[in-house]
Amino acid sequence: MTLGLESGYEVADLGSLTSAGVTGSQITSGVNLTFQVTVASLGTSVTIRLEGSLDDTNYFNLDESETDTVLTADGTYGYALNGCPVKYVRVRLVSIDGGSPTVSAKVGST
């Protein structure tokens, strides 16, 4: 299912990570995206990157400044991206600093 093409707003679960790596990818209409990232059992910090792709093979940072996001507390974080012309999205857990955290991600699209 392509997010954002069927009805007003759709959400897909990208999965969870407990070590550096990437979630599963999701095909999307790529117009307006909202990522929900939940962190549990955090030690000091985790670094994440929201990624997009046109071909589901080559991914790039959706932050135009190429900056990764550092999270320093357990909780749920939201990231809204508008006018984001990509076909596939995923979340990368770049690094873990302490603890044994779980990073879970969902994406919504219109």
C-alpha atoms as a PDB file:
ATOM      1  CA  MET A   1       0.000   0.000   0.000  1.00  0.00           C
ATOM      2  CA  THR A   2       1.312   3.451  -0.857  1.00  0.00           C
ATOM      3  CA  LEU A   3       0.806   5.803   2.071  1.00  0.00           C
ATOM      4  CA  GLY A   4      -1.056   8.991   1.249  1.00  0.00           C
ATOM      5  CA  LEU A   5      -2.873   7.800  -1.868  1.00  0.00           C
ATOM      6  CA  GLU A   6      -5.903   5.946  -0.478  1.00  0.00           C
ATOM      7  CA  SER A   7      -7.597   8.216   2.051  1.00  0.00           C
ATOM      8  CA  GLY A   8      -7.007  11.426   3.945  1.00  0.00           C
ATOM      9  CA  TYR A   9      -4.220  10.245   6.244  1.00  0.00           C
ATOM     10  CA  GLU A  10      -2.514   6.876   6.652  1.00  0.00           C
ATOM     11  CA  VAL A  11       0.086   5.515   9.078  1.00  0.00           C
ATOM     12  CA  ALA A  12       2.592   2.664   8.702  1.00  0.00           C
ATOM     13  CA  ASP A  13       4.733   1.001  11.358  1.00  0.00           C
ATOM     14  CA  LEU A  14       8.401   1.012  10.306  1.00  0.00           C
ATOM     15  CA  GLY A  15       9.441  -1.351  13.112  1.00  0.00           C
ATOM     16  CA  SER A  16      11.913  -1.181  15.987  1.00  0.00           C
ATOM     17  CA  LEU A  17      15.700  -1.156  16.279  1.00  0.00           C
ATOM     18  CA  THR A  18      17.937  -2.153  19.196  1.00  0.00           C
ATOM     19  CA  SER A  19      21.257  -1.665  17.400  1.00  0.00           C
ATOM     20  CA  ALA A  20      22.592   0.582  14.654  1.00  0.00           C
ATOM     21  CA  GLY A  21      20.840  -0.085  11.351  1.00  0.00           C
ATOM     22  CA  VAL A  22      17.695   0.831   9.413  1.00  0.00           C
ATOM     23  CA  THR A  23      13.993   0.147   9.781  1.00  0.00           C
ATOM     24  CA  GLY A  24      12.000  -1.366   6.979  1.00  0.00           C
ATOM     25  CA  SER A  25      11.150   1.057   4.195  1.00  0.00           C
ATOM     26  CA  GLN A  26       7.675   2.303   3.303  1.00  0.00           C
ATOM     27  CA  ILE A  27       6.466   3.487  -0.080  1.00  0.00           C
ATOM     28  CA  THR A  28       4.669   6.829   0.170  1.00  0.00           C
ATOM     29  CA  SER A  29       3.182   9.598  -1.926  1.00  0.00           C
ATOM     30  CA  GLY A  30       5.869  11.731  -0.288  1.00  0.00           C
ATOM     31  CA  VAL A  31       3.877  14.947  -0.158  1.00  0.00           C
ATOM     32  CA  ASN A  32       3.489  15.526   3.585  1.00  0.00           C
ATOM     33  CA  LEU A  33       5.190  13.158   6.019  1.00  0.00           C
ATOM     34  CA  THR A  34       5.166  12.851   9.791  1.00  0.00           C
ATOM     35  CA  PHE A  35       7.620  10.571  11.555  1.00  0.00           C
ATOM     36  CA  GLN A  36       6.905   9.386  15.093  1.00  0.00           C
ATOM     37  CA  VAL A  37       9.994   8.032  16.860  1.00  0.00           C
ATOM     38  CA  THR A  38       9.743   6.467  20.322  1.00  0.00           C
ATOM     39  CA  VAL A  39      12.829   5.777  22.436  1.00  0.00           C
ATOM     40  CA  ALA A  40      12.796   3.487  25.490  1.00  0.00           C
ATOM     41  CA  SER A  41      15.536   2.327  27.908  1.00  0.00           C
ATOM     42  CA  LEU A  42      17.938   5.025  26.762  1.00  0.00           C
ATOM     43  CA  GLY A  43      21.395   5.247  28.328  1.00  0.00           C
ATOM     44  CA  THR A  44      22.943   8.583  27.342  1.00  0.00           C
ATOM     45  CA  SER A  45      21.746   9.224  23.779  1.00  0.00           C
ATOM     46  CA  VAL A  46      20.863   7.807  20.381  1.00  0.00           C
ATOM     47  CA  THR A  47      21.460   9.410  17.017  1.00  0.00           C
ATOM     48  CA  ILE A  48      18.835   8.926  14.303  1.00  0.00           C
ATOM     49  CA  ARG A  49      18.444   9.986  10.682  1.00  0.00           C
ATOM     50  CA  LEU A  50      15.183  10.288   8.718  1.00  0.00           C
ATOM     51  CA  GLU A  51      15.902   9.007   5.224  1.00  0.00           C
ATOM     52  CA  GLY A  52      14.222   9.170   1.829  1.00  0.00           C
ATOM     53  CA  SER A  53      14.798   7.499  -1.533  1.00  0.00           C
ATOM     54  CA  LEU A  54      13.513   7.569  -5.077  1.00  0.00           C
ATOM     55  CA  ASP A  55      14.426   3.935  -5.829  1.00  0.00           C
ATOM     56  CA  ASP A  56      14.372   2.065  -2.437  1.00  0.00           C
ATOM     57  CA  THR A  57      18.110   1.384  -2.852  1.00  0.00           C
ATOM     58  CA  ASN A  58      19.935   4.696  -2.501  1.00  0.00           C
ATOM     59  CA  TYR A  59      18.849   6.677   0.576  1.00  0.00           C
ATOM     60  CA  PHE A  60      19.666  10.216   1.676  1.00  0.00           C
ATOM     61  CA  ASN A  61      19.131  12.362   4.761  1.00  0.00           C
ATOM     62  CA  LEU A  62      15.798  14.197   4.644  1.00  0.00           C
ATOM     63  CA  ASP A  63      17.324  17.000   6.730  1.00  0.00           C
ATOM     64  CA  GLU A  64      18.512  19.498   4.123  1.00  0.00           C
ATOM     65  CA  SER A  65      21.442  20.480   6.349  1.00  0.00           C
ATOM     66  CA  GLU A  66      22.559  16.803   6.408  1.00  0.00           C
ATOM     67  CA  THR A  67      22.384  16.888  10.217  1.00  0.00           C
ATOM     68  CA  ASP A  68      21.509  13.775  12.223  1.00  0.00           C
ATOM     69  CA  THR A  69      19.204  14.071  15.243  1.00  0.00           C
ATOM     70  CA  VAL A  70      20.474  13.293  18.755  1.00  0.00           C
ATOM     71  CA  LEU A  71      17.863  12.191  21.319  1.00  0.00           C
ATOM     72  CA  THR A  72      18.857  12.322  24.992  1.00  0.00           C
ATOM     73  CA  ALA A  73      15.717  11.182  26.843  1.00  0.00           C
ATOM     74  CA  ASP A  74      13.140   8.412  26.636  1.00  0.00           C
ATOM     75  CA  GLY A  75       9.932   9.546  24.989  1.00  0.00           C
ATOM     76  CA  THR A  76       8.080  10.026  21.739  1.00  0.00           C
ATOM     77  CA  TYR A  77       9.299  12.591  19.218  1.00  0.00           C
ATOM     78  CA  GLY A  78       7.561  13.913  16.109  1.00  0.00           C
ATOM     79  CA  TYR A  79       9.004  15.290  12.880  1.00  0.00           C
ATOM     80  CA  ALA A  80       6.771  16.882  10.234  1.00  0.00           C
ATOM     81  CA  LEU A  81       8.107  17.305   6.686  1.00  0.00           C
ATOM     82  CA  ASN A  82       6.044  19.130   4.062  1.00  0.00           C
ATOM     83  CA  GLY A  83       6.474  19.012   0.298  1.00  0.00           C
ATOM     84  CA  CYS A  84       8.933  16.125   0.566  1.00  0.00           C
ATOM     85  CA  PRO A  85       9.103  14.577  -2.934  1.00  0.00           C
ATOM     86  CA  VAL A  86      10.359  11.071  -2.140  1.00  0.00           C
ATOM     87  CA  LYS A  87       8.895   7.677  -2.919  1.00  0.00           C
ATOM     88  CA  TYR A  88      10.331   5.624  -0.018  1.00  0.00           C
ATOM     89  CA  VAL A  89      11.120   6.488   3.608  1.00  0.00           C
ATOM     90  CA  ARG A  90      12.801   4.816   6.561  1.00  0.00           C
ATOM     91  CA  VAL A  91      14.582   5.662   9.824  1.00  0.00           C
ATOM     92  CA  ARG A  92      18.257   4.941  10.474  1.00  0.00           C
ATOM     93  CA  LEU A  93      19.597   4.372  13.990  1.00  0.00           C
ATOM     94  CA  VAL A  94      23.052   5.842  13.446  1.00  0.00           C
ATOM     95  CA  SER A  95      24.528   5.220  16.899  1.00  0.00           C
ATOM     96  CA  ILE A  96      23.831   4.399  20.537  1.00  0.00           C
ATOM     97  CA  ASP A  97      25.657   5.993  23.442  1.00  0.00           C
ATOM     98  CA  GLY A  98      25.018   3.862  26.529  1.00  0.00           C
ATOM     99  CA  GLY A  99      22.236   1.554  27.608  1.00  0.00           C
ATOM    100  CA  SER A 100      20.219  -0.900  25.573  1.00  0.00           C
ATOM    101  CA  PRO A 101      17.581   1.322  23.968  1.00  0.00           C
ATOM    102  CA  THR A 102      14.784   0.424  21.633  1.00  0.00           C
ATOM    103  CA  VAL A 103      13.939   2.917  18.896  1.00  0.00           C
ATOM    104  CA  SER A 104      10.518   2.415  17.298  1.00  0.00           C
ATOM    105  CA  ALA A 105       9.249   4.392  14.318  1.00  0.00           C
ATOM    106  CA  LYS A 106       6.024   5.074  12.451  1.00  0.00           C
ATOM    107  CA  VAL A 107       5.362   7.307   9.466  1.00  0.00           C
ATOM    108  CA  GLY A 108       2.170   9.023   8.409  1.00  0.00           C
ATOM    109  CA  SER A 109       1.416  10.568   5.030  1.00  0.00           C
ATOM    110  CA  THR A 110      -1.259  12.560   3.257  1.00  0.00           C
END
